């Protein structure tokens, strides 16, 4: 039985990494649910991609918001448990911790990246972004890592790991390079908003209206 490891970092910016996020049984359930959702994946226009100054999508890759499902996702249940575990961890930065505990989490976005897919640098709407990385054991590829251009920092994405960071940190996904057509890298992005009086349903309705990601200066395009 794997126990998730929570690691707090101050450099090159405040962020938290998670290792061994899901147990072997949970991973089986997650991949089974993803398999059933593949037929419903939509293009970047459907998943609220960030746009360039010319209104061109910055993302190449498909996905689906789990909030759209007509059933209760087991993936979201697992993620809710992990968010609680993060909250109980030993925080190095007390302000970071207070902000984390003031948030409402949800509106998970499942992304699917295949050969030559990418996401150019952008920032997200919301307060913190939490991204889980997953792929089948049969998938082999290079790239598909998180890039933070303002720090010239590449966060190597490992299977069954995750990263939490300020949503306004500019980040992107480096192109995925594969040798076959079946290799796929998944990410599940969980967004957060301030926990105020507005209902959760209305919060995410407004959130989706704005899109989950925002465009940035042409400097990064």
Protein backbone atom coordinates (compact mmCIF):
# COMPACT_ATOMS: atom_id res chain seq x y z
CA UNK A 1 0.00 0.00 0.00
CA UNK A 2 1.56 3.28 -1.15
CA UNK A 3 1.24 6.36 1.02
CA UNK A 4 1.15 9.67 -0.82
CA UNK A 5 4.18 11.86 -0.14
CA UNK A 6 3.59 15.62 0.14
CA UNK A 7 6.64 17.85 -0.44
CA UNK A 8 6.59 21.64 0.01
CA UNK A 9 8.98 23.77 -2.06
CA UNK A 10 10.03 27.41 -1.89
CA UNK A 11 12.17 27.44 -5.04
CA UNK A 12 12.02 28.46 -7.80
CA UNK A 13 8.53 29.49 -6.63
CA UNK A 14 6.09 28.32 -3.96
CA UNK A 15 4.66 24.95 -4.95
CA UNK A 16 3.82 21.52 -3.58
CA UNK A 17 4.59 18.20 -5.23
CA UNK A 18 2.84 14.89 -4.59
CA UNK A 19 4.34 11.46 -5.15
CA UNK A 20 2.54 8.09 -5.33
CA UNK A 21 -0.82 9.87 -5.40
CA UNK A 22 -3.14 6.93 -6.04
CA UNK A 23 -2.91 3.36 -4.80
CA UNK A 24 -2.64 0.50 -7.32
CA UNK A 25 -6.36 -0.24 -6.97
CA UNK A 26 -7.29 3.42 -7.31
CA UNK A 27 -5.15 3.68 -10.45
CA UNK A 28 -7.03 0.75 -11.98
CA UNK A 29 -10.33 2.51 -11.26
CA UNK A 30 -9.07 5.85 -12.60
CA UNK A 31 -7.79 4.34 -15.85
CA UNK A 32 -11.00 2.37 -16.30
CA UNK A 33 -13.04 5.57 -15.94
CA UNK A 34 -10.75 7.43 -18.36
CA UNK A 35 -11.14 4.58 -20.87
CA UNK A 36 -14.90 5.02 -20.76
CA UNK A 37 -14.62 8.79 -21.24
CA UNK A 38 -12.37 8.78 -24.31
CA UNK A 39 -15.32 8.80 -26.71
CA UNK A 40 -16.52 12.07 -25.16
CA UNK A 41 -13.24 13.99 -25.31
CA UNK A 42 -13.60 17.40 -26.92
CA UNK A 43 -11.11 19.68 -28.65
CA UNK A 44 -9.51 22.74 -27.01
CA UNK A 45 -12.48 24.94 -27.91
CA UNK A 46 -14.67 22.75 -25.69
CA UNK A 47 -12.26 22.64 -22.74
CA UNK A 48 -11.73 26.39 -22.48
CA UNK A 49 -8.17 26.68 -23.76
CA UNK A 50 -6.20 29.87 -23.37
CA UNK A 51 -5.98 31.90 -26.58
CA UNK A 52 -3.21 33.81 -28.30
CA UNK A 53 -3.54 37.50 -29.12
CA UNK A 54 -4.88 36.35 -32.49
CA UNK A 55 -7.54 34.24 -30.75
CA UNK A 56 -5.81 31.01 -31.72
CA UNK A 57 -5.88 28.11 -29.20
CA UNK A 58 -2.64 27.73 -27.25
CA UNK A 59 -3.38 24.07 -26.60
CA UNK A 60 -3.25 21.07 -28.92
CA UNK A 61 -4.93 18.14 -27.17
CA UNK A 62 -8.37 16.91 -26.19
CA UNK A 63 -10.18 16.60 -22.88
CA UNK A 64 -13.38 16.84 -20.87
CA UNK A 65 -14.61 18.62 -17.73
CA UNK A 66 -15.69 15.96 -15.22
CA UNK A 67 -18.39 18.33 -13.98
CA UNK A 68 -20.21 17.60 -17.25
CA UNK A 69 -20.68 13.92 -16.44
CA UNK A 70 -24.16 12.59 -15.65
CA UNK A 71 -22.74 10.35 -12.90
CA UNK A 72 -20.58 10.89 -9.82
CA UNK A 73 -16.97 10.48 -10.88
CA UNK A 74 -14.76 8.24 -8.78
CA UNK A 75 -11.80 10.28 -9.98
CA UNK A 76 -13.16 13.40 -8.30
CA UNK A 77 -13.76 11.44 -5.07
CA UNK A 78 -10.14 10.30 -5.02
CA UNK A 79 -8.93 13.83 -5.71
CA UNK A 80 -11.08 15.26 -2.91
CA UNK A 81 -9.35 12.89 -0.48
CA UNK A 82 -5.91 13.96 -1.71
CA UNK A 83 -6.76 17.64 -1.31
CA UNK A 84 -7.66 16.96 2.33
CA UNK A 85 -4.35 15.18 2.80
CA UNK A 86 -2.47 18.18 1.39
CA UNK A 87 -4.29 20.43 3.84
CA UNK A 88 -3.13 18.29 6.78
CA UNK A 89 0.52 18.29 5.70
CA UNK A 90 3.27 20.36 7.31
CA UNK A 91 3.31 23.70 5.50
CA UNK A 92 6.54 25.69 5.30
CA UNK A 93 4.73 28.89 4.37
CA UNK A 94 1.83 29.88 6.71
CA UNK A 95 0.30 32.33 4.22
CA UNK A 96 0.26 29.64 1.53
CA UNK A 97 -1.50 27.35 4.02
CA UNK A 98 -4.12 29.96 4.99
CA UNK A 99 -4.95 30.64 1.35
CA UNK A 100 -5.21 26.91 0.63
CA UNK A 101 -7.70 26.41 3.46
CA UNK A 102 -9.85 29.32 2.23
CA UNK A 103 -10.55 27.71 -1.15
CA UNK A 104 -13.29 25.68 -2.80
CA UNK A 105 -11.93 23.00 -5.13
CA UNK A 106 -13.53 21.31 -8.11
CA UNK A 107 -14.29 21.54 -11.83
CA UNK A 108 -11.70 18.88 -12.71
CA UNK A 109 -10.46 18.94 -16.30
CA UNK A 110 -9.17 15.69 -17.77
CA UNK A 111 -6.62 16.39 -20.53
CA UNK A 112 -5.36 13.91 -23.10
CA UNK A 113 -2.03 14.58 -24.84
CA UNK A 114 -0.86 12.44 -27.76
CA UNK A 115 2.04 12.72 -30.22
CA UNK A 116 2.94 16.36 -31.01
CA UNK A 117 0.34 17.74 -28.57
CA UNK A 118 1.34 20.67 -26.37
CA UNK A 119 0.08 23.65 -24.39
CA UNK A 120 1.87 26.94 -24.93
CA UNK A 121 2.58 29.07 -21.82
CA UNK A 122 -0.49 30.60 -20.18
CA UNK A 123 -1.96 31.15 -16.73
CA UNK A 124 -5.16 29.77 -15.21
CA UNK A 125 -8.16 31.48 -13.71
CA UNK A 126 -8.67 30.70 -10.04
CA UNK A 127 -6.27 30.80 -7.07
CA UNK A 128 -4.30 27.54 -7.07
CA UNK A 129 -4.05 24.87 -9.76
CA UNK A 130 -3.49 21.21 -8.87
CA UNK A 131 -2.36 18.96 -11.73
CA UNK A 132 -2.18 15.15 -11.59
CA UNK A 133 -0.11 13.24 -14.19
CA UNK A 134 -1.06 9.76 -15.39
CA UNK A 135 -0.37 7.35 -18.21
CA UNK A 136 -0.61 3.64 -18.91
CA UNK A 137 2.48 1.47 -18.45
CA UNK A 138 2.43 0.77 -22.20
CA UNK A 139 2.86 4.46 -23.09
CA UNK A 140 6.35 5.60 -24.04
CA UNK A 141 7.15 9.21 -24.88
CA UNK A 142 9.48 12.14 -24.33
CA UNK A 143 8.42 15.64 -23.36
CA UNK A 144 4.99 16.44 -22.02
CA UNK A 145 6.57 18.21 -19.04
CA UNK A 146 5.46 21.42 -17.34
CA UNK A 147 7.45 24.50 -18.32
CA UNK A 148 7.53 27.71 -16.28
CA UNK A 149 9.18 30.25 -18.64
CA UNK A 150 9.57 33.09 -16.15
CA UNK A 151 11.93 30.85 -14.16
CA UNK A 152 13.25 28.85 -17.14
CA UNK A 153 12.20 25.85 -15.07
CA UNK A 154 10.99 22.49 -16.37
CA UNK A 155 9.04 20.35 -13.93
CA UNK A 156 9.55 16.74 -14.98
CA UNK A 157 6.17 15.00 -14.97
CA UNK A 158 6.24 11.55 -13.43
CA UNK A 159 3.47 8.99 -13.56
CA UNK A 160 1.08 9.10 -10.58
CA UNK A 161 2.58 12.37 -9.34
CA UNK A 162 1.06 15.85 -9.02
CA UNK A 163 1.95 19.51 -8.52
CA UNK A 164 0.12 22.39 -6.80
CA UNK A 165 1.00 26.00 -7.60
CA UNK A 166 -0.39 29.52 -7.85
CA UNK A 167 -2.73 29.67 -10.86
CA UNK A 168 -1.15 32.92 -12.00
CA UNK A 169 2.24 31.29 -12.50
CA UNK A 170 2.74 31.16 -16.26
CA UNK A 171 3.14 27.56 -17.34
CA UNK A 172 2.87 25.34 -20.39
CA UNK A 173 3.27 21.74 -21.54
CA UNK A 174 6.25 20.87 -23.73
CA UNK A 175 5.43 18.93 -26.94
CA UNK A 176 4.82 15.22 -26.46
CA UNK A 177 7.10 13.12 -28.68
CA UNK A 178 6.01 9.52 -29.25
CA UNK A 179 7.13 6.63 -31.46
CA UNK A 180 3.64 5.18 -31.82
CA UNK A 181 0.04 6.37 -32.11
CA UNK A 182 -1.23 4.84 -28.88
CA UNK A 183 1.07 6.40 -26.29
CA UNK A 184 -0.87 8.98 -24.28
CA UNK A 185 -0.18 11.27 -21.34
CA UNK A 186 -3.14 12.34 -19.20
CA UNK A 187 -3.42 15.17 -16.75
CA UNK A 188 -6.25 16.02 -14.40
CA UNK A 189 -6.33 19.70 -13.50
CA UNK A 190 -8.28 20.73 -10.42
CA UNK A 191 -9.06 24.43 -10.04
CA UNK A 192 -9.87 26.47 -6.95
CA UNK A 193 -11.79 29.65 -6.13
CA UNK A 194 -12.27 31.66 -2.95
CA UNK A 195 -14.76 30.16 -0.51
CA UNK A 196 -17.24 33.03 -0.15
CA UNK A 197 -21.03 33.29 -0.07
CA UNK A 198 -21.65 32.44 -3.72
CA UNK A 199 -22.83 28.86 -4.17
CA UNK A 200 -20.38 26.31 -5.53
CA UNK A 201 -22.58 25.69 -8.56
CA UNK A 202 -22.66 29.38 -9.43
CA UNK A 203 -18.94 29.71 -8.84
CA UNK A 204 -18.11 27.04 -11.40
CA UNK A 205 -20.72 28.36 -13.83
CA UNK A 206 -18.98 31.74 -13.73
CA UNK A 207 -15.60 30.03 -13.83
CA UNK A 208 -16.47 28.12 -17.00
CA UNK A 209 -17.88 31.25 -18.59
CA UNK A 210 -14.48 32.91 -18.15
CA UNK A 211 -12.69 29.73 -19.28
CA UNK A 212 -10.27 27.78 -17.15
CA UNK A 213 -7.24 29.42 -18.69
CA UNK A 214 -6.28 32.92 -19.73
CA UNK A 215 -4.18 34.12 -22.61
CA UNK A 216 -0.87 35.85 -22.00
CA UNK A 217 1.49 38.26 -23.71
CA UNK A 218 2.85 37.35 -27.14
CA UNK A 219 6.25 37.22 -25.43
CA UNK A 220 5.50 33.61 -24.54
CA UNK A 221 3.77 32.47 -27.73
